[in-house]
Amino acid sequence: QVQLVQSGGGLVQAGGSLRLSCAVSGGTFSRLDMAWFRQAPGKEREFVAFHTWIGGSYGDSVKGRFTISRDNARNTVYLQMNSLEPEDTAVYYCKARDSTTKADYWGQGTQVTVSS
């Protein structure tokens, strides 16, 4: 069973940076497509970033500020968030999709709060 354990997040002032981590166990990491989503209070879950082997794909609201990366040696995916804005406040989730079975797996979520 694939398990995703998130770390990072917390409280930061506007303009600051945070890095989220998502450690994967129980599966074949190279077979997993990795992404980040977020959900703000009262809003639907929103796509943030998707890792591709030629670069990252990003939601419009985070382009140029966030960077997704993965470390295959550590079975971990990261989300580097720079120039944070209060509108980035949300619970952030990492997601893995098995490229063979198409099964989705989610991390437990981590709170990011950006103060103005």
C-alpha atoms as a PDB file:
ATOM      1  CA  GLN A   1       0.000   0.000   0.000  1.00  0.00           C
ATOM      2  CA  VAL A   2       1.390   3.374  -1.009  1.00  0.00           C
ATOM      3  CA  GLN A   3       1.654   5.848   1.857  1.00  0.00           C
ATOM      4  CA  LEU A   4       2.420   9.547   1.629  1.00  0.00           C
ATOM      5  CA  VAL A   5       3.689  11.438   4.668  1.00  0.00           C
ATOM      6  CA  GLN A   6       3.896  15.201   4.439  1.00  0.00           C
ATOM      7  CA  SER A   7       6.070  17.597   6.383  1.00  0.00           C
ATOM      8  CA  GLY A   8       6.848  21.284   6.338  1.00  0.00           C
ATOM      9  CA  GLY A   9       4.319  24.071   6.278  1.00  0.00           C
ATOM     10  CA  GLY A  10       3.445  26.437   9.090  1.00  0.00           C
ATOM     11  CA  LEU A  11       3.041  30.173   9.528  1.00  0.00           C
ATOM     12  CA  VAL A  12       4.977  32.689   7.441  1.00  0.00           C
ATOM     13  CA  GLN A  13       4.707  36.374   6.638  1.00  0.00           C
ATOM     14  CA  ALA A  14       3.748  37.567   3.189  1.00  0.00           C
ATOM     15  CA  GLY A  15       6.759  37.540   0.893  1.00  0.00           C
ATOM     16  CA  GLY A  16       8.355  34.659   2.745  1.00  0.00           C
ATOM     17  CA  SER A  17       9.144  31.108   1.664  1.00  0.00           C
ATOM     18  CA  LEU A  18       8.318  27.591   2.775  1.00  0.00           C
ATOM     19  CA  ARG A  19       9.149  24.131   1.508  1.00  0.00           C
ATOM     20  CA  LEU A  20       6.788  21.202   1.747  1.00  0.00           C
ATOM     21  CA  SER A  21       7.955  17.606   1.564  1.00  0.00           C
ATOM     22  CA  CYS A  22       6.054  14.440   0.748  1.00  0.00           C
ATOM     23  CA  ALA A  23       7.798  11.149   1.490  1.00  0.00           C
ATOM     24  CA  VAL A  24       6.452   8.077  -0.291  1.00  0.00           C
ATOM     25  CA  SER A  25       6.668   4.497   0.921  1.00  0.00           C
ATOM     26  CA  GLY A  26       5.167   1.171  -0.019  1.00  0.00           C
ATOM     27  CA  GLY A  27       5.254   1.589  -3.773  1.00  0.00           C
ATOM     28  CA  THR A  28       7.492   1.944  -6.786  1.00  0.00           C
ATOM     29  CA  PHE A  29       8.291   5.629  -6.687  1.00  0.00           C
ATOM     30  CA  SER A  30       9.413   5.822 -10.306  1.00  0.00           C
ATOM     31  CA  ARG A  31       5.954   4.610 -11.365  1.00  0.00           C
ATOM     32  CA  LEU A  32       4.167   7.400  -9.515  1.00  0.00           C
ATOM     33  CA  ASP A  33       3.129  10.696 -11.018  1.00  0.00           C
ATOM     34  CA  MET A  34       3.302  13.304  -8.270  1.00  0.00           C
ATOM     35  CA  ALA A  35       1.305  16.469  -7.759  1.00  0.00           C
ATOM     36  CA  TRP A  36       0.340  19.044  -5.161  1.00  0.00           C
ATOM     37  CA  PHE A  37      -3.141  20.408  -4.475  1.00  0.00           C
ATOM     38  CA  ARG A  38      -4.479  22.815  -1.885  1.00  0.00           C
ATOM     39  CA  GLN A  39      -7.805  23.616  -0.280  1.00  0.00           C
ATOM     40  CA  ALA A  40      -8.646  26.915   1.358  1.00  0.00           C
ATOM     41  CA  PRO A  41     -11.536  27.228   3.831  1.00  0.00           C
ATOM     42  CA  GLY A  42     -14.857  27.249   2.037  1.00  0.00           C
ATOM     43  CA  LYS A  43     -13.262  26.533  -1.349  1.00  0.00           C
ATOM     44  CA  GLU A  44     -12.828  23.499  -3.544  1.00  0.00           C
ATOM     45  CA  ARG A  45      -9.543  21.646  -3.766  1.00  0.00           C
ATOM     46  CA  GLU A  46      -7.303  23.417  -6.260  1.00  0.00           C
ATOM     47  CA  PHE A  47      -4.504  22.108  -8.471  1.00  0.00           C
ATOM     48  CA  VAL A  48      -1.128  23.598  -7.576  1.00  0.00           C
ATOM     49  CA  ALA A  49       1.632  21.711  -9.379  1.00  0.00           C
ATOM     50  CA  PHE A  50       2.384  18.507 -11.263  1.00  0.00           C
ATOM     51  CA  HIS A  51       5.805  17.029 -11.803  1.00  0.00           C
ATOM     52  CA  THR A  52       6.743  16.015 -15.316  1.00  0.00           C
ATOM     53  CA  TRP A  53      10.067  14.690 -16.485  1.00  0.00           C
ATOM     54  CA  ILE A  54      10.566  17.783 -18.640  1.00  0.00           C
ATOM     55  CA  GLY A  55       9.674  20.247 -15.925  1.00  0.00           C
ATOM     56  CA  GLY A  56       6.749  21.273 -13.770  1.00  0.00           C
ATOM     57  CA  SER A  57       3.202  22.176 -14.655  1.00  0.00           C
ATOM     58  CA  TYR A  58       1.585  24.810 -12.421  1.00  0.00           C
ATOM     59  CA  GLY A  59      -1.705  26.413 -11.612  1.00  0.00           C
ATOM     60  CA  ASP A  60      -1.998  29.978 -12.834  1.00  0.00           C
ATOM     61  CA  SER A  61      -2.073  31.421  -9.331  1.00  0.00           C
ATOM     62  CA  VAL A  62       1.334  29.986  -8.387  1.00  0.00           C
ATOM     63  CA  LYS A  63       3.288  30.167 -11.646  1.00  0.00           C
ATOM     64  CA  GLY A  64       6.663  31.809 -11.224  1.00  0.00           C
ATOM     65  CA  ARG A  65       6.526  31.468  -7.428  1.00  0.00           C
ATOM     66  CA  PHE A  66       6.276  27.737  -6.698  1.00  0.00           C
ATOM     67  CA  THR A  67       8.544  24.929  -7.864  1.00  0.00           C
ATOM     68  CA  ILE A  68       7.858  21.199  -7.717  1.00  0.00           C
ATOM     69  CA  SER A  69      10.738  18.745  -7.653  1.00  0.00           C
ATOM     70  CA  ARG A  70      11.338  15.112  -6.800  1.00  0.00           C
ATOM     71  CA  ASP A  71      14.262  13.176  -5.371  1.00  0.00           C
ATOM     72  CA  ASN A  72      14.074   9.598  -6.563  1.00  0.00           C
ATOM     73  CA  ALA A  73      16.861   8.514  -4.208  1.00  0.00           C
ATOM     74  CA  ARG A  74      14.778   9.668  -1.240  1.00  0.00           C
ATOM     75  CA  ASN A  75      11.333   8.788  -2.667  1.00  0.00           C
ATOM     76  CA  THR A  76      10.309  12.338  -1.895  1.00  0.00           C
ATOM     77  CA  VAL A  77       8.622  15.163  -3.740  1.00  0.00           C
ATOM     78  CA  TYR A  78       8.971  18.786  -2.726  1.00  0.00           C
ATOM     79  CA  LEU A  79       7.073  22.012  -3.211  1.00  0.00           C
ATOM     80  CA  GLN A  80       9.205  25.117  -2.838  1.00  0.00           C
ATOM     81  CA  MET A  81       6.971  28.124  -2.279  1.00  0.00           C
ATOM     82  CA  ASN A  82       8.424  31.607  -2.646  1.00  0.00           C
ATOM     83  CA  SER A  83       6.883  35.089  -2.527  1.00  0.00           C
ATOM     84  CA  LEU A  84       4.001  33.731  -0.506  1.00  0.00           C
ATOM     85  CA  GLU A  85       0.782  35.703  -0.390  1.00  0.00           C
ATOM     86  CA  PRO A  86      -2.124  35.587   2.097  1.00  0.00           C
ATOM     87  CA  GLU A  87      -4.173  34.023  -0.711  1.00  0.00           C
ATOM     88  CA  ASP A  88      -1.858  31.003  -0.559  1.00  0.00           C
ATOM     89  CA  THR A  89      -3.225  30.130   2.879  1.00  0.00           C
ATOM     90  CA  ALA A  90      -4.658  26.618   2.641  1.00  0.00           C
ATOM     91  CA  VAL A  91      -4.189  22.995   3.544  1.00  0.00           C
ATOM     92  CA  TYR A  92      -1.761  21.529   1.039  1.00  0.00           C
ATOM     93  CA  TYR A  93      -1.968  17.914  -0.104  1.00  0.00           C
ATOM     94  CA  CYS A  94       0.412  15.819  -2.120  1.00  0.00           C
ATOM     95  CA  LYS A  95      -1.014  13.229  -4.450  1.00  0.00           C
ATOM     96  CA  ALA A  96       0.485  10.225  -6.149  1.00  0.00           C
ATOM     97  CA  ARG A  97      -1.047   8.444  -9.114  1.00  0.00           C
ATOM     98  CA  ASP A  98       0.223   5.045 -10.085  1.00  0.00           C
ATOM     99  CA  SER A  99       0.877   5.324 -13.807  1.00  0.00           C
ATOM    100  CA  THR A 100       0.086   1.617 -14.252  1.00  0.00           C
ATOM    101  CA  THR A 101      -3.018   1.059 -12.085  1.00  0.00           C
ATOM    102  CA  LYS A 102      -4.235   4.710 -12.122  1.00  0.00           C
ATOM    103  CA  ALA A 103      -4.852   4.452  -8.381  1.00  0.00           C
ATOM    104  CA  ASP A 104      -4.604   7.750  -6.479  1.00  0.00           C
ATOM    105  CA  TYR A 105      -3.051   8.190  -3.066  1.00  0.00           C
ATOM    106  CA  TRP A 106      -3.148  11.295  -0.883  1.00  0.00           C
ATOM    107  CA  GLY A 107      -0.986  12.701   1.865  1.00  0.00           C
ATOM    108  CA  GLN A 108      -2.503  13.719   5.186  1.00  0.00           C
ATOM    109  CA  GLY A 109      -2.407  17.439   4.400  1.00  0.00           C
ATOM    110  CA  THR A 110      -0.374  20.215   5.954  1.00  0.00           C
ATOM    111  CA  GLN A 111      -1.475  23.710   6.889  1.00  0.00           C
ATOM    112  CA  VAL A 112       0.196  26.732   5.328  1.00  0.00           C
ATOM    113  CA  THR A 113      -0.792  30.115   6.735  1.00  0.00           C
ATOM    114  CA  VAL A 114       0.498  33.356   5.241  1.00  0.00           C
ATOM    115  CA  SER A 115      -0.013  36.494   7.306  1.00  0.00           C
ATOM    116  CA  SER A 116      -0.255  39.941   5.760  1.00  0.00           C
END
